[in-house]
Amino acid sequence: MKYAIFAAFTLALASAAAPVPAEAKGCLKGAVVGGVAGHFAGHHGVIGAIGGCIVGHHLANQKAKEQAAPPAPPAQAEPAPKPNG
């Protein structure tokens, strides 16, 4: 138990200090969180790390797409019709 917590903490520090390539963006954070959560949820740290990596990578891609998309133009109101008479 103490070894697993130490390993997770060491991995978290190493991933925070090391530069991350663009392809793995979100994966390391997700893997650390998922591994710790999986460990405490029945000693399934590896499965949690794999799932966390997948989810973290997916969320990072979504965030990158939202930031890269151009903002939508503001909607223009149509003028009110003039009454006849």
C-alpha atoms as a PDB file:
ATOM      1  CA  MET A   1       0.000   0.000   0.000  1.00  0.00           C
ATOM      2  CA  LYS A   2       2.721   2.466   0.940  1.00  0.00           C
ATOM      3  CA  TYR A   3       4.703   1.495  -2.152  1.00  0.00           C
ATOM      4  CA  ALA A   4       1.721   2.173  -4.437  1.00  0.00           C
ATOM      5  CA  ILE A   5       1.101   5.608  -2.944  1.00  0.00           C
ATOM      6  CA  PHE A   6       4.809   6.446  -3.220  1.00  0.00           C
ATOM      7  CA  ALA A   7       4.855   5.273  -6.842  1.00  0.00           C
ATOM      8  CA  ALA A   8       1.786   7.331  -7.730  1.00  0.00           C
ATOM      9  CA  PHE A   9       3.226  10.407  -6.038  1.00  0.00           C
ATOM     10  CA  THR A  10       6.569   9.953  -7.811  1.00  0.00           C
ATOM     11  CA  LEU A  11       4.825   9.534 -11.163  1.00  0.00           C
ATOM     12  CA  ALA A  12       2.783  12.681 -10.551  1.00  0.00           C
ATOM     13  CA  LEU A  13       5.900  14.700  -9.764  1.00  0.00           C
ATOM     14  CA  ALA A  14       7.795  13.298 -12.732  1.00  0.00           C
ATOM     15  CA  SER A  15       4.954  14.066 -15.134  1.00  0.00           C
ATOM     16  CA  ALA A  16       4.634  17.599 -13.803  1.00  0.00           C
ATOM     17  CA  ALA A  17       8.349  18.285 -14.152  1.00  0.00           C
ATOM     18  CA  ALA A  18       8.967  16.644 -17.536  1.00  0.00           C
ATOM     19  CA  PRO A  19       7.977  18.322 -20.785  1.00  0.00           C
ATOM     20  CA  VAL A  20       5.054  16.519 -22.395  1.00  0.00           C
ATOM     21  CA  PRO A  21       4.805  15.999 -26.152  1.00  0.00           C
ATOM     22  CA  ALA A  22       1.676  17.336 -27.816  1.00  0.00           C
ATOM     23  CA  GLU A  23       0.402  13.854 -28.686  1.00  0.00           C
ATOM     24  CA  ALA A  24       0.192  12.799 -25.019  1.00  0.00           C
ATOM     25  CA  LYS A  25      -1.516  15.927 -23.801  1.00  0.00           C
ATOM     26  CA  GLY A  26      -3.958  15.082 -21.035  1.00  0.00           C
ATOM     27  CA  CYS A  27      -2.940  11.423 -20.931  1.00  0.00           C
ATOM     28  CA  LEU A  28      -0.414  11.667 -18.098  1.00  0.00           C
ATOM     29  CA  LYS A  29      -2.672  13.665 -15.807  1.00  0.00           C
ATOM     30  CA  GLY A  30      -5.564  11.314 -16.491  1.00  0.00           C
ATOM     31  CA  ALA A  31      -3.384   8.253 -15.953  1.00  0.00           C
ATOM     32  CA  VAL A  32      -2.190   9.488 -12.563  1.00  0.00           C
ATOM     33  CA  VAL A  33      -5.679  10.367 -11.384  1.00  0.00           C
ATOM     34  CA  GLY A  34      -7.204   7.202 -12.808  1.00  0.00           C
ATOM     35  CA  GLY A  35      -4.445   5.013 -11.374  1.00  0.00           C
ATOM     36  CA  VAL A  36      -4.855   6.394  -7.875  1.00  0.00           C
ATOM     37  CA  ALA A  37      -8.647   6.164  -8.080  1.00  0.00           C
ATOM     38  CA  GLY A  38      -8.462   2.625  -9.436  1.00  0.00           C
ATOM     39  CA  HIS A  39      -6.055   1.593  -6.711  1.00  0.00           C
ATOM     40  CA  PHE A  40      -8.373   2.762  -3.968  1.00  0.00           C
ATOM     41  CA  ALA A  41     -11.427   1.307  -5.722  1.00  0.00           C
ATOM     42  CA  GLY A  42     -10.318  -2.297  -5.451  1.00  0.00           C
ATOM     43  CA  HIS A  43      -6.623  -2.456  -6.408  1.00  0.00           C
ATOM     44  CA  HIS A  44      -7.267  -1.852 -10.112  1.00  0.00           C
ATOM     45  CA  GLY A  45      -4.649   0.852 -10.571  1.00  0.00           C
ATOM     46  CA  VAL A  46      -3.498  -0.250 -14.020  1.00  0.00           C
ATOM     47  CA  ILE A  47      -7.022  -0.377 -15.412  1.00  0.00           C
ATOM     48  CA  GLY A  48      -7.737   3.025 -13.857  1.00  0.00           C
ATOM     49  CA  ALA A  49      -4.557   4.470 -15.368  1.00  0.00           C
ATOM     50  CA  ILE A  50      -5.466   3.207 -18.833  1.00  0.00           C
ATOM     51  CA  GLY A  51      -8.996   4.596 -18.579  1.00  0.00           C
ATOM     52  CA  GLY A  52      -7.747   7.882 -17.152  1.00  0.00           C
ATOM     53  CA  CYS A  53      -5.289   8.256 -19.999  1.00  0.00           C
ATOM     54  CA  ILE A  54      -8.019   7.706 -22.581  1.00  0.00           C
ATOM     55  CA  VAL A  55     -10.427  10.144 -20.927  1.00  0.00           C
ATOM     56  CA  GLY A  56      -7.735  12.774 -20.293  1.00  0.00           C
ATOM     57  CA  HIS A  57      -6.539  12.619 -23.901  1.00  0.00           C
ATOM     58  CA  HIS A  58     -10.119  12.933 -25.179  1.00  0.00           C
ATOM     59  CA  LEU A  59     -10.861  15.952 -22.970  1.00  0.00           C
ATOM     60  CA  ALA A  60      -7.602  17.649 -24.002  1.00  0.00           C
ATOM     61  CA  ASN A  61      -8.513  17.188 -27.678  1.00  0.00           C
ATOM     62  CA  GLN A  62     -11.973  18.673 -27.102  1.00  0.00           C
ATOM     63  CA  LYS A  63     -10.487  21.680 -25.327  1.00  0.00           C
ATOM     64  CA  ALA A  64      -7.974  22.226 -28.133  1.00  0.00           C
ATOM     65  CA  LYS A  65     -10.732  22.117 -30.763  1.00  0.00           C
ATOM     66  CA  GLU A  66     -12.829  24.639 -28.826  1.00  0.00           C
ATOM     67  CA  GLN A  67      -9.889  27.018 -28.506  1.00  0.00           C
ATOM     68  CA  ALA A  68      -8.934  26.679 -32.181  1.00  0.00           C
ATOM     69  CA  ALA A  69     -12.459  27.267 -33.527  1.00  0.00           C
ATOM     70  CA  PRO A  70     -13.140  30.849 -34.629  1.00  0.00           C
ATOM     71  CA  PRO A  71     -15.751  32.660 -32.563  1.00  0.00           C
ATOM     72  CA  ALA A  72     -19.238  32.784 -34.034  1.00  0.00           C
ATOM     73  CA  PRO A  73     -20.276  36.137 -35.526  1.00  0.00           C
ATOM     74  CA  PRO A  74     -22.808  38.057 -33.463  1.00  0.00           C
ATOM     75  CA  ALA A  75     -26.407  37.684 -34.568  1.00  0.00           C
ATOM     76  CA  GLN A  76     -27.930  40.789 -36.128  1.00  0.00           C
ATOM     77  CA  ALA A  77     -31.452  41.770 -35.206  1.00  0.00           C
ATOM     78  CA  GLU A  78     -33.875  42.298 -38.077  1.00  0.00           C
ATOM     79  CA  PRO A  79     -35.523  45.714 -38.198  1.00  0.00           C
ATOM     80  CA  ALA A  80     -39.171  45.833 -37.192  1.00  0.00           C
ATOM     81  CA  PRO A  81     -41.609  46.223 -40.102  1.00  0.00           C
ATOM     82  CA  LYS A  82     -43.079  49.722 -40.525  1.00  0.00           C
ATOM     83  CA  PRO A  83     -46.832  49.966 -40.092  1.00  0.00           C
ATOM     84  CA  ASN A  84     -48.760  51.002 -43.208  1.00  0.00           C
ATOM     85  CA  GLY A  85     -51.010  53.897 -42.850  1.00  0.00           C
END
